């Protein structure tokens, strides 16, 4: 059993317990697994999961269209196909540039010190199909990428969460920090800062 499979199994078991529901947080070993994210979505659980910069996604503008039947017969197409190729998260965030960044102030330290940083909030769809075990076309999720002032590129801290509302509006904090606060975690646990 893989780490994401074990995590999903434990989360599904805990979802049946009579305890308060908290957001699911995890590193890229979990976040890069589209099947795990689909299982969390099916359980209607909120999550913020880190993803690797090389993980591929489709942009929100991608259209998934079933092609027309070919002349001369044959079986007509039935699967929707994307109108463009998926791209790595690192390339997508770099292309968005600094004009799409939103400055957000949030609590970062145990003493409640306020920190301001810039974030890109992009709607994306998973760029892999994992052998047909996830819905096609894939559903939208929020990609949250931090790009601090004065840096040439975003940090390696990239997170995905369900596409419900805009994550920057959650308690005036970026999605990860807001959910970590709700879960009672210190916002820097398990994270590195530049």
Protein backbone atom coordinates (compact mmCIF):
# COMPACT_ATOMS: atom_id res chain seq x y z
CA UNK A 1 0.00 0.00 0.00
CA UNK A 2 1.41 3.40 -0.98
CA UNK A 3 1.60 6.39 1.37
CA UNK A 4 -1.32 8.19 -0.40
CA UNK A 5 -3.43 4.99 -0.39
CA UNK A 6 -2.79 4.52 3.33
CA UNK A 7 -3.55 8.19 3.99
CA UNK A 8 -6.82 8.01 2.03
CA UNK A 9 -7.85 4.85 3.89
CA UNK A 10 -7.19 6.45 7.29
CA UNK A 11 -9.00 9.67 6.30
CA UNK A 12 -12.03 7.70 5.06
CA UNK A 13 -12.14 5.80 8.37
CA UNK A 14 -11.83 9.01 10.41
CA UNK A 15 -14.59 10.67 8.35
CA UNK A 16 -17.04 8.23 9.94
CA UNK A 17 -16.05 9.09 13.51
CA UNK A 18 -18.06 11.44 15.69
CA UNK A 19 -15.35 14.13 15.86
CA UNK A 20 -15.20 17.67 14.47
CA UNK A 21 -14.16 17.76 10.83
CA UNK A 22 -10.88 19.55 10.11
CA UNK A 23 -9.22 20.30 6.78
CA UNK A 24 -6.80 17.70 5.45
CA UNK A 25 -3.23 19.00 5.15
CA UNK A 26 -0.38 17.18 3.47
CA UNK A 27 2.90 17.39 1.63
CA UNK A 28 3.50 16.68 -2.06
CA UNK A 29 3.59 12.91 -1.50
CA UNK A 30 -0.18 13.30 -1.05
CA UNK A 31 -0.87 16.40 -3.15
CA UNK A 32 0.67 15.02 -6.32
CA UNK A 33 -1.73 12.07 -6.17
CA UNK A 34 -4.84 13.01 -8.16
CA UNK A 35 -6.70 9.88 -7.03
CA UNK A 36 -6.25 10.89 -3.36
CA UNK A 37 -7.54 14.41 -4.08
CA UNK A 38 -10.59 12.92 -5.82
CA UNK A 39 -11.29 10.69 -2.81
CA UNK A 40 -11.13 13.73 -0.50
CA UNK A 41 -13.46 15.60 -2.85
CA UNK A 42 -15.91 12.67 -2.86
CA UNK A 43 -15.92 12.77 0.96
CA UNK A 44 -16.64 16.53 0.75
CA UNK A 45 -13.54 17.29 2.81
CA UNK A 46 -11.60 20.54 2.57
CA UNK A 47 -7.90 20.10 1.88
CA UNK A 48 -4.71 22.00 1.23
CA UNK A 49 -2.03 19.76 -0.22
CA UNK A 50 1.41 20.74 -1.44
CA UNK A 51 2.32 19.81 -4.99
CA UNK A 52 5.64 19.59 -6.79
CA UNK A 53 6.56 22.30 -9.29
CA UNK A 54 6.83 19.70 -12.07
CA UNK A 55 3.26 18.43 -11.52
CA UNK A 56 1.25 19.04 -14.70
CA UNK A 57 -2.08 20.83 -14.88
CA UNK A 58 -4.47 22.21 -17.47
CA UNK A 59 -5.32 25.90 -17.25
CA UNK A 60 -8.89 26.93 -16.50
CA UNK A 61 -9.23 28.08 -20.11
CA UNK A 62 -8.70 24.54 -21.43
CA UNK A 63 -11.73 23.18 -23.29
CA UNK A 64 -12.51 19.47 -23.32
CA UNK A 65 -14.39 18.60 -26.50
CA UNK A 66 -15.61 15.34 -28.01
CA UNK A 67 -14.36 15.29 -31.58
CA UNK A 68 -16.53 14.84 -34.64
CA UNK A 69 -16.95 11.45 -36.27
CA UNK A 70 -14.44 10.74 -39.03
CA UNK A 71 -15.64 10.46 -42.58
CA UNK A 72 -15.71 6.92 -43.87
CA UNK A 73 -17.24 5.30 -40.80
CA UNK A 74 -15.72 3.75 -37.76
CA UNK A 75 -16.58 4.22 -34.18
CA UNK A 76 -17.36 7.86 -33.34
CA UNK A 77 -15.22 9.51 -30.65
CA UNK A 78 -16.76 9.46 -27.18
CA UNK A 79 -13.99 10.85 -24.97
CA UNK A 80 -13.55 14.57 -24.51
CA UNK A 81 -10.05 15.70 -25.43
CA UNK A 82 -8.30 18.85 -24.23
CA UNK A 83 -7.62 21.60 -26.76
CA UNK A 84 -4.08 22.06 -25.40
CA UNK A 85 -1.38 20.11 -23.59
CA UNK A 86 -0.98 20.24 -19.81
CA UNK A 87 1.95 22.23 -18.47
CA UNK A 88 4.04 22.11 -15.33
CA UNK A 89 2.88 24.18 -12.41
CA UNK A 90 6.25 25.98 -12.37
CA UNK A 91 5.79 27.12 -16.00
CA UNK A 92 2.18 28.17 -15.42
CA UNK A 93 3.02 30.29 -12.37
CA UNK A 94 6.03 31.87 -14.13
CA UNK A 95 3.82 32.78 -17.12
CA UNK A 96 1.23 34.47 -14.91
CA UNK A 97 3.80 37.11 -14.01
CA UNK A 98 3.68 39.56 -11.15
CA UNK A 99 0.64 41.46 -12.48
CA UNK A 100 -1.70 38.68 -11.30
CA UNK A 101 -0.32 38.50 -7.76
CA UNK A 102 -2.43 39.42 -4.73
CA UNK A 103 -0.83 40.78 -1.54
CA UNK A 104 -2.16 39.01 1.52
CA UNK A 105 -1.41 39.64 5.18
CA UNK A 106 -1.63 36.66 7.50
CA UNK A 107 -0.47 35.36 10.88
CA UNK A 108 2.78 33.47 10.45
CA UNK A 109 4.47 33.02 13.83
CA UNK A 110 3.42 31.64 17.20
CA UNK A 111 3.42 35.20 18.55
CA UNK A 112 0.85 36.22 15.92
CA UNK A 113 3.29 38.36 13.95
CA UNK A 114 1.61 39.66 10.81
CA UNK A 115 3.39 38.85 7.56
CA UNK A 116 2.55 40.09 4.07
CA UNK A 117 3.43 38.20 0.93
CA UNK A 118 2.19 37.95 -2.64
CA UNK A 119 0.27 34.99 -3.98
CA UNK A 120 -1.00 33.76 -7.32
CA UNK A 121 -4.43 32.11 -7.16
CA UNK A 122 -5.05 30.13 -10.34
CA UNK A 123 -7.84 27.72 -11.25
CA UNK A 124 -6.40 24.54 -12.72
CA UNK A 125 -7.38 20.99 -13.62
CA UNK A 126 -5.23 17.91 -13.01
CA UNK A 127 -3.05 17.18 -16.03
CA UNK A 128 -2.95 13.42 -15.62
CA UNK A 129 -5.59 10.75 -15.74
CA UNK A 130 -4.06 8.03 -13.55
CA UNK A 131 -5.32 5.17 -15.69
CA UNK A 132 -8.90 6.40 -15.88
CA UNK A 133 -9.41 6.37 -12.09
CA UNK A 134 -10.34 10.05 -11.95
CA UNK A 135 -13.23 11.86 -13.66
CA UNK A 136 -12.59 13.19 -17.13
CA UNK A 137 -12.46 16.03 -17.78
CA UNK A 138 -10.92 16.71 -14.38
CA UNK A 139 -12.63 19.11 -11.98
CA UNK A 140 -11.18 22.52 -11.14
CA UNK A 141 -9.00 23.17 -8.12
CA UNK A 142 -7.22 26.27 -6.82
CA UNK A 143 -3.46 26.43 -7.23
CA UNK A 144 -1.92 28.75 -4.62
CA UNK A 145 1.66 29.87 -5.25
CA UNK A 146 3.62 32.26 -3.05
CA UNK A 147 5.82 34.79 -4.87
CA UNK A 148 7.44 37.10 -2.25
CA UNK A 149 8.37 40.68 -3.13
CA UNK A 150 11.92 40.96 -4.48
CA UNK A 151 12.17 37.34 -5.65
CA UNK A 152 12.67 36.49 -9.31
CA UNK A 153 10.35 33.49 -9.13
CA UNK A 154 7.78 31.87 -6.86
CA UNK A 155 8.77 29.81 -3.83
CA UNK A 156 8.63 26.04 -4.01
CA UNK A 157 5.62 26.12 -1.68
CA UNK A 158 2.75 25.33 -4.05
CA UNK A 159 -0.64 24.16 -2.76
CA UNK A 160 -3.86 22.79 -4.26
CA UNK A 161 -7.29 23.01 -2.67
CA UNK A 162 -10.89 22.49 -3.81
CA UNK A 163 -12.28 25.20 -6.10
CA UNK A 164 -14.97 26.54 -3.75
CA UNK A 165 -15.02 30.34 -3.60
CA UNK A 166 -11.75 32.25 -3.68
CA UNK A 167 -9.11 31.07 -1.19
CA UNK A 168 -7.77 34.60 -0.56
CA UNK A 169 -11.11 35.55 1.00
CA UNK A 170 -10.88 32.90 3.73
CA UNK A 171 -10.26 34.86 6.93
CA UNK A 172 -8.05 37.33 5.06
CA UNK A 173 -5.36 34.72 4.58
CA UNK A 174 -4.06 32.56 1.77
CA UNK A 175 -5.76 29.19 1.54
CA UNK A 176 -3.06 27.16 3.28
CA UNK A 177 -2.64 29.54 6.20
CA UNK A 178 -6.40 29.93 6.72
CA UNK A 179 -6.97 26.18 6.79
CA UNK A 180 -3.92 25.58 8.97
CA UNK A 181 -5.30 28.15 11.43
CA UNK A 182 -8.70 26.39 11.42
CA UNK A 183 -6.94 23.08 12.08
CA UNK A 184 -5.05 24.64 15.00
CA UNK A 185 -1.61 24.26 13.41
CA UNK A 186 1.23 26.74 13.49
CA UNK A 187 1.45 28.12 9.96
CA UNK A 188 5.13 27.22 9.56
CA UNK A 189 4.92 23.58 10.68
CA UNK A 190 6.25 21.38 7.91
CA UNK A 191 7.19 24.38 5.77
CA UNK A 192 10.42 26.08 4.94
CA UNK A 193 10.68 29.79 4.38
CA UNK A 194 13.18 31.45 2.04
